[in-house]
Amino acid sequence: MNTARVFEVPAVPYPGRAPAVEPPAGDLAATLGAARAALGDRTVWHVNSTSDGGGVAELLYAFLRRHNIAGITTRWLVADAAPEFFAITKRIYFKIYGTDRDTEPFSPQERELYARVTEEHAEGVAGFVRPGDLVVLHDPQTLGMAPHLRAAGATVVWQCHLGSLTTDVHTEQAWGFLDPWLRDPDGYVFSHPRYIPARVDPARTRVILPAIDPYSPKNRDLDAAQVRTVLDGIGLTPAPGAPDTLAAEAGREPGWIAALARVEQDVPLPPGAPVVLQVSRWDTLKDMEGVLTAFAGEMASVAGVHLVLQGPDPLAIADDPGGVEVFQRVQDQRERLPRAIRERVHLVATAGDDLEGTAFVVNALQRRASVVTQKSIREGFGLTITEGMWKHRPVVAPAVGAIPEQVIDGRTGVLVADPLDLTEFGVEVRDLLLDTERAGRLAAAGRDHCARRFLLDRQLGEYAEFFTWLCALPATADLG
């Protein structure tokens, strides 16, 4: 039975009135114009495995909007599959990061299932794509489509948002599993030069750092009253008293906010209380459990401080098996805390069927935070750090993956050397809570660093340059 299906995601996911985007100018306008001319009537297709949850989906919503505004026809397909397929790709995910509870190599049956499902996906994608179109495949869930789509006449790029700075048995198993398909794409995109596997041709590879869209619902400006409206509306803070000025901007009916999140707490977050925030999936590598342990052990000594852990409803993320188990462990861990600490811990699970609403919740939480953390054990890039920096918040994170590209220790944030050292992590956050002058300096420098390097215009230009280069490749390039 074919359980794989491919469907298109609408180009405009938000019903509200998005802030106007300033038209590109100068070098960016010229770069986008060159890509538009090189592509001609060809379409750029992005293909991934989910339309909600995670940085890739957010990136693609931004790309659809901004590239189409620039005249580069861009569309998005999602390749869905049965849980058995995503169980395999989740193993690949852990192994690419160099960690996995299962040390066994992949079985022939897993390889056969991956090959069969990605071939079925390629057949679905080929129903949308014309010969000559450019297809960008995102992450390991999609790589197996590459040879089939090239055979159908498409130019194919594989973008891997994952990676490890070191190699071990797990990374070798992951790249060995993917090896039959690694040489098929015409081009590649990675988020760090040390993420590029030796099997990939560097001449056809670009390193493009991720970025955030300052015009998106997650990163657009919210005033203090709108932040209160959102947090009151989901029940995190006391009952609302101010009018909901955001509803009209978002094209929503009164009471719309209540359905955006489920909050688990003993008492509401008090006005003015200092807040430590982590936003991430319920994933073992994001280490929400470690953040909670560090809060109880070190951060809670700061008078009145509260911890908010926010992630998507794990039942809504089809390609992330294991999220339900992690969320349950965090819930159980919170319940075991002494009452005086448990009352200062809030769990927020955002709805999976309202992307705009969820984005507003995250935006409001980040603007309410005193310190933003991303205590990943492994990390590809960590856009929640970028988001916190953009909102003038001091950030604390381990020095893993590409996080040091954003956090320059002592200048744009605080880096913790060992991602497993919960004491050091907790002490660094505690000290920032106590030293508000230092926290303010780091927040201001972080905002400037983000504005220079991690906003979408820079990323759009780098992709446009790569598209122009790809369009110049011979139609029958031998990629052997």
Protein backbone atom coordinates (compact mmCIF):
# COMPACT_ATOMS: atom_id res chain seq x y z
CA MET A 1 0.00 0.00 0.00
CA ASN A 2 1.33 3.42 -0.94
CA THR A 3 1.18 5.56 2.20
CA ALA A 4 3.33 8.35 0.79
CA ARG A 5 1.57 11.47 -0.42
CA VAL A 6 2.66 14.86 -1.70
CA PHE A 7 0.64 18.04 -1.34
CA GLU A 8 1.22 21.72 -1.98
CA VAL A 9 1.32 24.32 0.80
CA PRO A 10 -0.43 27.64 0.07
CA ALA A 11 1.87 30.56 -0.57
CA VAL A 12 0.03 32.82 1.91
CA PRO A 13 -0.44 30.95 5.21
CA TYR A 14 -1.54 33.90 7.32
CA PRO A 15 -5.08 35.32 7.19
CA GLY A 16 -4.02 38.61 8.81
CA ARG A 17 -2.50 41.72 7.34
CA ALA A 18 1.23 41.13 7.31
CA PRO A 19 3.47 44.19 7.67
CA ALA A 20 4.51 45.65 4.35
CA VAL A 21 7.87 44.43 3.07
CA GLU A 22 10.33 47.04 1.93
CA PRO A 23 11.26 46.38 -1.73
CA PRO A 24 14.82 45.16 -2.30
CA ALA A 25 17.30 47.82 -3.28
CA GLY A 26 20.94 48.15 -4.29
CA ASP A 27 23.01 44.97 -4.51
CA LEU A 28 20.15 42.75 -3.33
CA ALA A 29 17.82 44.03 -6.05
CA ALA A 30 20.50 43.38 -8.67
CA THR A 31 21.18 39.87 -7.35
CA LEU A 32 17.49 38.97 -7.32
CA GLY A 33 17.09 40.44 -10.79
CA ALA A 34 19.93 38.31 -12.13
CA ALA A 35 18.36 35.17 -10.65
CA ARG A 36 14.97 36.11 -12.08
CA ALA A 37 16.50 36.51 -15.53
CA ALA A 38 18.45 33.25 -15.28
CA LEU A 39 15.41 31.26 -14.16
CA GLY A 40 13.10 32.69 -16.81
CA ASP A 41 9.79 30.84 -16.65
CA ARG A 42 11.16 28.08 -14.43
CA THR A 43 9.69 27.50 -10.98
CA VAL A 44 11.68 26.96 -7.79
CA TRP A 45 10.11 24.14 -5.76
CA HIS A 46 10.95 23.49 -2.11
CA VAL A 47 10.17 20.02 -0.75
CA ASN A 48 10.23 18.99 2.90
CA SER A 49 8.30 16.69 5.24
CA THR A 50 6.08 19.03 7.28
CA SER A 51 4.30 22.35 6.92
CA ASP A 52 4.24 23.11 10.65
CA GLY A 53 6.76 22.98 13.47
CA GLY A 54 10.45 23.75 13.22
CA GLY A 55 12.70 26.24 11.50
CA VAL A 56 12.53 24.70 8.02
CA ALA A 57 8.78 25.25 7.72
CA GLU A 58 9.16 28.84 8.92
CA LEU A 59 11.97 29.41 6.43
CA LEU A 60 9.83 28.13 3.58
CA TYR A 61 6.85 30.33 4.42
CA ALA A 62 9.21 33.31 4.34
CA PHE A 63 10.76 32.16 1.07
CA LEU A 64 7.40 31.76 -0.63
CA ARG A 65 6.41 35.25 0.28
CA ARG A 66 9.64 37.07 -0.34
CA HIS A 67 10.90 35.27 -3.45
CA ASN A 68 7.52 35.60 -5.14
CA ILE A 69 7.42 39.31 -4.29
CA ALA A 70 10.83 39.54 -6.00
CA GLY A 71 9.44 37.84 -9.12
CA ILE A 72 11.08 34.44 -8.55
CA THR A 73 8.24 31.96 -8.87
CA THR A 74 8.50 29.75 -5.79
CA ARG A 75 6.24 26.95 -4.57
CA TRP A 76 6.32 24.43 -1.72
CA LEU A 77 5.48 20.73 -1.55
CA VAL A 78 5.25 18.54 1.55
CA ALA A 79 6.06 14.82 1.31
CA ASP A 80 4.11 12.98 3.99
CA ALA A 81 4.50 9.31 4.92
CA ALA A 82 3.65 6.63 7.46
CA PRO A 83 5.25 6.69 10.95
CA GLU A 84 7.57 3.81 9.99
CA PHE A 85 9.33 6.07 7.48
CA PHE A 86 9.75 8.93 9.94
CA ALA A 87 11.11 6.52 12.54
CA ILE A 88 13.97 5.81 10.13
CA THR A 89 14.59 9.47 9.31
CA LYS A 90 14.56 10.32 13.03
CA ARG A 91 17.36 7.77 13.48
CA ILE A 92 19.25 9.51 10.66
CA TYR A 93 18.65 12.84 12.42
CA PHE A 94 20.19 11.63 15.68
CA LYS A 95 23.11 9.95 13.94
CA ILE A 96 24.00 12.98 11.80
CA TYR A 97 24.27 14.89 15.06
CA GLY A 98 26.67 12.21 16.31
CA THR A 99 24.41 10.74 18.96
CA ASP A 100 21.95 7.89 19.07
CA ARG A 101 20.63 5.58 21.78
CA ASP A 102 20.70 2.83 19.15
CA THR A 103 24.29 1.99 18.19
CA GLU A 104 23.20 -0.64 15.66
CA PRO A 105 23.71 0.19 11.97
CA PHE A 106 20.75 0.58 9.67
CA SER A 107 19.20 -2.65 8.45
CA PRO A 108 18.62 -3.64 4.81
CA GLN A 109 14.90 -3.43 5.54
CA GLU A 110 15.24 0.21 6.66
CA ARG A 111 17.22 1.04 3.53
CA GLU A 112 14.62 -0.64 1.33
CA LEU A 113 11.75 1.24 3.03
CA TYR A 114 13.57 4.57 2.69
CA ALA A 115 14.30 3.95 -0.99
CA ARG A 116 10.73 2.87 -1.75
CA VAL A 117 9.01 5.75 0.04
CA THR A 118 11.29 8.44 -1.41
CA GLU A 119 10.74 7.00 -4.88
CA GLU A 120 6.99 7.21 -4.29
CA HIS A 121 7.45 10.78 -3.09
CA ALA A 122 9.45 11.59 -6.22
CA GLU A 123 6.59 10.31 -8.37
CA GLY A 124 4.24 12.66 -6.50
CA VAL A 125 6.59 15.62 -6.83
CA ALA A 126 7.09 14.93 -10.55
CA GLY A 127 3.36 15.50 -10.99
CA PHE A 128 3.92 19.17 -10.12
CA VAL A 129 7.39 19.84 -11.54
CA ARG A 130 8.18 20.63 -15.17
CA PRO A 131 11.46 19.74 -16.89
CA GLY A 132 13.95 22.50 -16.20
CA ASP A 133 12.40 23.53 -12.88
CA LEU A 134 14.67 23.84 -9.85
CA VAL A 135 13.82 21.59 -6.88
CA VAL A 136 15.30 22.19 -3.41
CA LEU A 137 15.03 19.07 -1.24
CA HIS A 138 15.29 19.70 2.50
CA ASP A 139 16.93 17.32 4.99
CA PRO A 140 17.37 13.53 4.95
CA GLN A 141 13.64 12.83 4.54
CA THR A 142 13.86 13.97 0.91
CA LEU A 143 17.33 13.09 -0.40
CA GLY A 144 16.21 9.78 -1.92
CA MET A 145 14.06 11.69 -4.43
CA ALA A 146 17.08 13.30 -6.09
CA PRO A 147 17.93 10.71 -8.80
CA HIS A 148 14.30 10.32 -9.85
CA LEU A 149 13.70 14.06 -10.13
CA ARG A 150 16.91 14.60 -12.10
CA ALA A 151 15.81 11.82 -14.45
CA ALA A 152 12.55 13.75 -14.89
CA GLY A 153 14.52 16.80 -16.06
CA ALA A 154 14.66 18.90 -12.89
CA THR A 155 17.73 20.63 -11.48
CA VAL A 156 18.01 19.33 -7.92
CA VAL A 157 19.55 20.86 -4.79
CA TRP A 158 19.75 19.09 -1.46
CA GLN A 159 19.84 21.29 1.62
CA CYS A 160 20.79 19.63 4.91
CA HIS A 161 19.99 21.76 7.95
CA LEU A 162 21.64 19.24 10.30
CA GLY A 163 25.27 18.57 11.05
CA SER A 164 28.03 17.79 13.49
CA LEU A 165 31.43 19.42 13.89
CA THR A 166 32.95 16.03 14.71
CA THR A 167 32.64 12.53 13.29
CA ASP A 168 32.00 9.28 15.11
CA VAL A 169 30.40 5.89 14.50
CA HIS A 170 26.95 7.48 14.38
CA THR A 171 27.80 10.13 11.77
CA GLU A 172 29.52 7.49 9.63
CA GLN A 173 26.44 5.27 9.85
CA ALA A 174 24.19 8.16 8.81
CA TRP A 175 26.26 9.26 5.83
CA GLY A 176 26.84 5.63 4.87
CA PHE A 177 23.08 5.09 4.81
CA LEU A 178 22.55 8.17 2.62
CA ASP A 179 25.57 7.46 0.40
CA PRO A 180 23.65 5.88 -2.53
CA TRP A 181 21.86 9.20 -3.07
CA LEU A 182 24.46 11.75 -1.97
CA ARG A 183 26.04 12.23 -5.40
CA ASP A 184 22.76 12.69 -7.28
CA PRO A 185 21.88 16.36 -6.60
CA ASP A 186 23.23 19.12 -8.83
CA GLY A 187 24.05 21.26 -5.80
CA TYR A 188 24.08 21.31 -2.01
CA VAL A 189 23.49 23.78 0.82
CA PHE A 190 24.77 23.38 4.39
CA SER A 191 24.71 25.67 7.44
CA HIS A 192 28.39 25.28 8.41
CA PRO A 193 31.48 24.29 6.40
CA ARG A 194 32.27 21.46 8.82
CA TYR A 195 28.84 19.94 8.27
CA ILE A 196 29.72 19.03 4.68
CA PRO A 197 30.41 15.28 4.37
CA ALA A 198 33.52 14.17 2.50
CA ARG A 199 31.34 12.39 -0.06
CA VAL A 200 29.95 15.71 -1.37
CA ASP A 201 31.65 17.73 -4.11
CA PRO A 202 32.69 21.06 -2.51
CA ALA A 203 32.61 22.82 -5.89
CA ARG A 204 28.84 22.32 -6.02
CA THR A 205 28.25 23.21 -2.38
CA ARG A 206 27.33 26.48 -0.70
CA VAL A 207 27.33 27.37 2.99
CA ILE A 208 24.32 29.59 3.64
CA LEU A 209 23.65 30.55 7.24
CA PRO A 210 19.98 30.49 8.29
CA ALA A 211 18.13 33.73 8.93
CA ILE A 212 14.85 35.08 10.28
CA ASP A 213 12.18 37.16 8.59
CA PRO A 214 11.66 40.38 10.58
CA TYR A 215 8.27 40.83 8.91
CA SER A 216 6.87 37.45 9.99
CA PRO A 217 4.29 37.11 12.79
CA LYS A 218 7.01 35.59 14.98
CA ASN A 219 9.46 38.47 14.57
CA ARG A 220 7.41 41.56 13.73
CA ASP A 221 7.12 44.27 16.37
CA LEU A 222 4.55 43.82 19.12
CA ASP A 223 3.87 46.57 21.62
CA ALA A 224 3.61 45.90 25.34
CA ALA A 225 -0.19 45.82 25.27
CA GLN A 226 -0.20 43.23 22.47
CA VAL A 227 2.28 41.05 24.36
CA ARG A 228 0.01 41.18 27.42
CA THR A 229 -3.03 40.42 25.28
CA VAL A 230 -1.46 37.24 23.88
CA LEU A 231 -0.10 35.94 27.18
CA ASP A 232 -3.33 36.76 29.04
CA GLY A 233 -5.30 35.17 26.22
CA ILE A 234 -3.57 31.78 26.46
CA GLY A 235 -3.87 31.85 30.25
CA LEU A 236 -0.18 32.17 31.09
CA THR A 237 -0.68 35.51 32.83
CA PRO A 238 -3.70 36.83 34.79
CA ALA A 239 -7.07 37.50 33.16
CA PRO A 240 -7.00 40.13 30.39
CA GLY A 241 -7.85 43.71 31.14
CA ALA A 242 -6.72 45.50 27.98
CA PRO A 243 -8.51 45.53 24.60
CA ASP A 244 -7.24 43.06 21.99
CA THR A 245 -5.72 45.36 19.38
CA LEU A 246 -3.99 42.41 17.68
CA ALA A 247 -7.24 40.70 16.64
CA ALA A 248 -8.08 43.31 14.03
CA GLU A 249 -4.54 43.26 12.61
CA ALA A 250 -4.65 39.47 12.39
CA GLY A 251 -8.17 39.39 10.94
CA ARG A 252 -9.45 37.33 13.88
CA GLU A 253 -12.62 37.09 15.91
CA PRO A 254 -12.71 37.97 19.62
CA GLY A 255 -11.44 35.15 21.82
CA TRP A 256 -9.17 33.76 19.11
CA ILE A 257 -6.10 33.61 21.35
CA ALA A 258 -7.51 31.07 23.83
CA ALA A 259 -7.19 28.20 21.36
CA LEU A 260 -3.57 28.90 20.49
CA ALA A 261 -1.88 27.06 23.35
CA ARG A 262 -2.31 24.73 26.28
CA VAL A 263 -0.61 25.96 29.46
CA GLU A 264 0.31 23.70 32.38
CA GLN A 265 0.96 25.66 35.57
CA ASP A 266 -0.02 25.86 39.22
CA VAL A 267 -0.47 29.63 39.23
CA PRO A 268 -0.27 32.29 36.50
CA LEU A 269 2.97 34.11 35.73
CA PRO A 270 2.95 37.26 37.90
CA PRO A 271 3.30 40.70 36.29
CA GLY A 272 6.88 41.90 36.28
CA ALA A 273 8.43 38.58 37.33
CA PRO A 274 11.77 37.78 35.69
CA VAL A 275 11.41 34.96 33.14
CA VAL A 276 13.82 32.41 31.69
CA LEU A 277 12.49 31.06 28.38
CA GLN A 278 13.37 28.18 26.12
CA VAL A 279 11.48 27.67 22.86
CA SER A 280 12.07 24.39 21.03
CA ARG A 281 10.60 21.08 20.01
CA TRP A 282 10.14 18.43 22.67
CA ASP A 283 13.29 16.66 21.54
CA THR A 284 15.99 14.99 23.61
CA LEU A 285 18.69 16.97 21.80
CA LYS A 286 17.03 20.28 22.79
CA ASP A 287 17.27 19.16 26.45
CA MET A 288 14.18 20.77 27.97
CA GLU A 289 14.69 18.36 30.88
CA GLY A 290 18.18 19.75 31.43
CA VAL A 291 16.86 23.32 31.47
CA LEU A 292 14.29 22.34 34.09
CA THR A 293 16.97 20.63 36.20
CA ALA A 294 19.24 23.69 35.98
CA PHE A 295 16.36 25.97 36.93
CA ALA A 296 15.56 23.97 40.04
CA GLY A 297 19.25 23.68 40.97
CA GLU A 298 20.64 27.16 40.25
CA MET A 299 18.29 29.69 38.66
CA ALA A 300 15.46 29.36 41.18
CA SER A 301 17.65 31.02 43.82
CA VAL A 302 16.91 34.36 42.11
CA ALA A 303 13.96 35.92 43.88
CA GLY A 304 10.72 35.57 41.96
CA VAL A 305 12.20 34.11 38.76
CA HIS A 306 9.97 31.86 36.63
CA LEU A 307 10.76 29.34 33.87
CA VAL A 308 8.70 28.96 30.70
CA LEU A 309 9.31 25.97 28.41
CA GLN A 310 7.45 26.29 25.12
CA GLY A 311 7.16 23.81 22.29
CA PRO A 312 4.62 22.71 19.70
CA ASP A 313 1.95 20.20 20.55
CA PRO A 314 3.95 16.99 20.00
CA LEU A 315 0.92 15.24 18.52
CA ALA A 316 0.88 17.79 15.68
CA ILE A 317 4.41 17.08 14.38
CA ALA A 318 4.15 14.09 12.06
CA ASP A 319 7.85 13.81 11.22
CA ASP A 320 9.06 13.98 14.85
CA PRO A 321 8.27 10.70 16.61
CA GLY A 322 9.40 10.75 20.21
CA GLY A 323 8.09 14.22 21.01
CA VAL A 324 5.16 12.84 22.98
CA GLU A 325 7.52 10.81 25.18
CA VAL A 326 9.83 13.77 25.85
CA PHE A 327 6.91 16.05 26.69
CA GLN A 328 5.56 13.46 29.12
CA ARG A 329 8.95 13.20 30.83
CA VAL A 330 9.09 16.99 31.24
CA GLN A 331 5.56 16.98 32.68
CA ASP A 332 6.49 14.24 35.14
CA GLN A 333 9.72 16.01 36.10
CA ARG A 334 7.81 19.21 36.82
CA GLU A 335 5.28 17.37 38.97
CA ARG A 336 8.07 15.96 41.15
CA LEU A 337 9.48 19.40 41.99
CA PRO A 338 8.90 20.91 45.43
CA ARG A 339 5.78 23.03 45.34
CA ALA A 340 7.64 26.33 45.85
CA ILE A 341 9.66 25.69 42.66
CA ARG A 342 6.94 23.92 40.67
CA GLU A 343 4.73 27.00 41.00
CA ARG A 344 7.35 28.94 39.06
CA VAL A 345 7.52 26.50 36.12
CA HIS A 346 5.13 26.88 33.18
CA LEU A 347 4.80 24.50 30.21
CA VAL A 348 3.29 25.91 27.01
CA ALA A 349 2.27 23.59 24.16
CA THR A 350 1.19 25.60 21.12
CA ALA A 351 -1.47 24.45 18.67
CA GLY A 352 -0.30 22.76 15.49
CA ASP A 353 -3.11 23.95 13.22
CA ASP A 354 -2.71 27.74 13.50
CA LEU A 355 0.73 28.77 12.32
CA GLU A 356 0.13 32.49 12.55
CA GLY A 357 -1.37 32.22 16.02
CA THR A 358 1.49 30.04 17.23
CA ALA A 359 3.99 32.54 15.85
CA PHE A 360 2.34 35.37 17.79
CA VAL A 361 2.51 33.30 20.99
CA VAL A 362 6.24 32.64 20.55
CA ASN A 363 6.84 36.29 19.68
CA ALA A 364 5.05 37.45 22.83
CA LEU A 365 6.88 34.93 25.02
CA GLN A 366 10.27 36.01 23.70
CA ARG A 367 9.46 39.67 24.28
CA ARG A 368 8.30 38.87 27.83
CA ALA A 369 11.50 36.92 28.63
CA SER A 370 14.36 38.25 30.72
CA VAL A 371 16.83 35.64 29.40
CA VAL A 372 16.42 33.37 26.36
CA THR A 373 18.16 29.99 26.36
CA GLN A 374 18.70 27.21 23.85
CA LYS A 375 20.39 24.46 25.83
CA SER A 376 20.86 22.02 22.98
CA ILE A 377 23.09 18.98 23.35
CA ARG A 378 23.50 19.02 19.56
CA GLU A 379 22.30 21.80 17.27
CA GLY A 380 22.26 22.59 13.58
CA PHE A 381 21.98 26.34 14.00
CA GLY A 382 19.44 27.38 16.65
CA LEU A 383 17.18 30.05 15.16
CA THR A 384 15.45 30.57 18.50
CA ILE A 385 18.71 32.22 19.58
CA THR A 386 18.52 34.52 16.56
CA GLU A 387 14.92 35.37 17.40
CA GLY A 388 15.79 36.22 20.99
CA MET A 389 18.70 38.43 19.89
CA TRP A 390 16.44 40.25 17.41
CA LYS A 391 14.09 41.06 20.29
CA HIS A 392 16.85 42.58 22.47
CA ARG A 393 17.06 39.61 24.82
CA PRO A 394 20.31 38.28 26.31
CA VAL A 395 20.94 34.68 25.31
CA VAL A 396 22.72 31.73 26.94
CA ALA A 397 23.54 28.59 24.95
CA PRO A 398 26.13 25.81 24.74
CA ALA A 399 28.98 26.09 22.23
CA VAL A 400 27.64 23.34 19.94
CA GLY A 401 27.09 23.19 16.19
CA ALA A 402 26.79 26.58 14.52
CA ILE A 403 25.61 28.38 17.67
CA PRO A 404 29.02 30.15 18.01
CA GLU A 405 28.32 31.81 14.65
CA GLN A 406 25.66 33.79 16.53
CA VAL A 407 26.78 33.89 20.13
CA ILE A 408 30.21 35.46 20.57
CA ASP A 409 30.91 34.67 24.20
CA GLY A 410 30.86 37.77 26.37
CA ARG A 411 29.96 40.03 23.45
CA THR A 412 26.64 38.99 21.89
CA GLY A 413 25.62 36.45 24.53
CA VAL A 414 27.00 33.77 26.81
CA LEU A 415 28.39 30.42 25.66
CA VAL A 416 28.66 27.38 27.91
CA ALA A 417 31.56 25.13 26.91
CA ASP A 418 30.06 21.77 27.93
CA PRO A 419 26.42 21.21 26.86
CA LEU A 420 26.03 18.61 29.61
CA ASP A 421 27.24 20.85 32.45
CA LEU A 422 23.92 21.84 33.97
CA THR A 423 25.56 23.63 36.89
CA GLU A 424 27.56 25.99 34.67
CA PHE A 425 24.54 26.58 32.46
CA GLY A 426 22.32 27.38 35.44
CA VAL A 427 24.93 29.67 37.02
CA GLU A 428 25.40 31.65 33.79
CA VAL A 429 21.67 32.24 33.46
CA ARG A 430 21.39 33.10 37.17
CA ASP A 431 24.21 35.62 36.92
CA LEU A 432 22.57 37.36 33.95
CA LEU A 433 19.31 37.61 35.88
CA LEU A 434 21.17 39.29 38.73
CA ASP A 435 23.36 41.57 36.59
CA THR A 436 20.80 43.46 34.52
CA GLU A 437 23.36 46.01 33.29
CA ARG A 438 25.50 43.27 31.73
CA ALA A 439 22.39 41.56 30.37
CA GLY A 440 21.39 44.82 28.68
CA ARG A 441 24.81 45.25 27.06
CA LEU A 442 24.74 41.70 25.67
CA ALA A 443 21.18 42.15 24.43
CA ALA A 444 22.05 45.36 22.55
CA ALA A 445 25.14 43.81 20.95
CA GLY A 446 23.19 40.68 20.07
CA ARG A 447 20.50 42.72 18.32
CA ASP A 448 23.14 44.55 16.24
CA HIS A 449 24.89 41.26 15.38
CA CYS A 450 21.59 39.72 14.29
CA ALA A 451 20.68 42.75 12.17
CA ARG A 452 24.01 42.55 10.33
CA ARG A 453 24.19 38.82 9.68
CA PHE A 454 20.98 36.91 10.29
CA LEU A 455 18.08 38.66 8.60
CA LEU A 456 16.32 37.20 5.58
CA ASP A 457 17.54 39.68 2.95
CA ARG A 458 21.10 38.37 3.26
CA GLN A 459 19.91 34.78 2.91
CA LEU A 460 17.64 35.60 -0.05
CA GLY A 461 20.57 37.13 -1.89
CA GLU A 462 22.83 34.13 -1.29
CA TYR A 463 20.19 31.71 -2.53
CA ALA A 464 19.58 33.90 -5.58
CA GLU A 465 23.29 33.82 -6.43
CA PHE A 466 23.26 30.02 -6.14
CA PHE A 467 20.16 29.74 -8.33
CA THR A 468 21.88 31.84 -11.00
CA TRP A 469 24.93 29.55 -10.86
CA LEU A 470 22.78 26.42 -11.09
CA CYS A 471 20.94 27.75 -14.13
CA ALA A 472 24.27 27.98 -15.95
CA LEU A 473 25.06 24.27 -15.46
CA PRO A 474 24.91 22.08 -18.57
CA ALA A 475 21.55 20.34 -18.78
CA THR A 476 23.21 16.92 -18.80
CA ALA A 477 26.02 17.59 -16.31
CA ASP A 478 27.90 14.45 -15.34
CA LEU A 479 27.83 14.47 -11.56
CA GLY A 480 29.42 11.01 -11.08
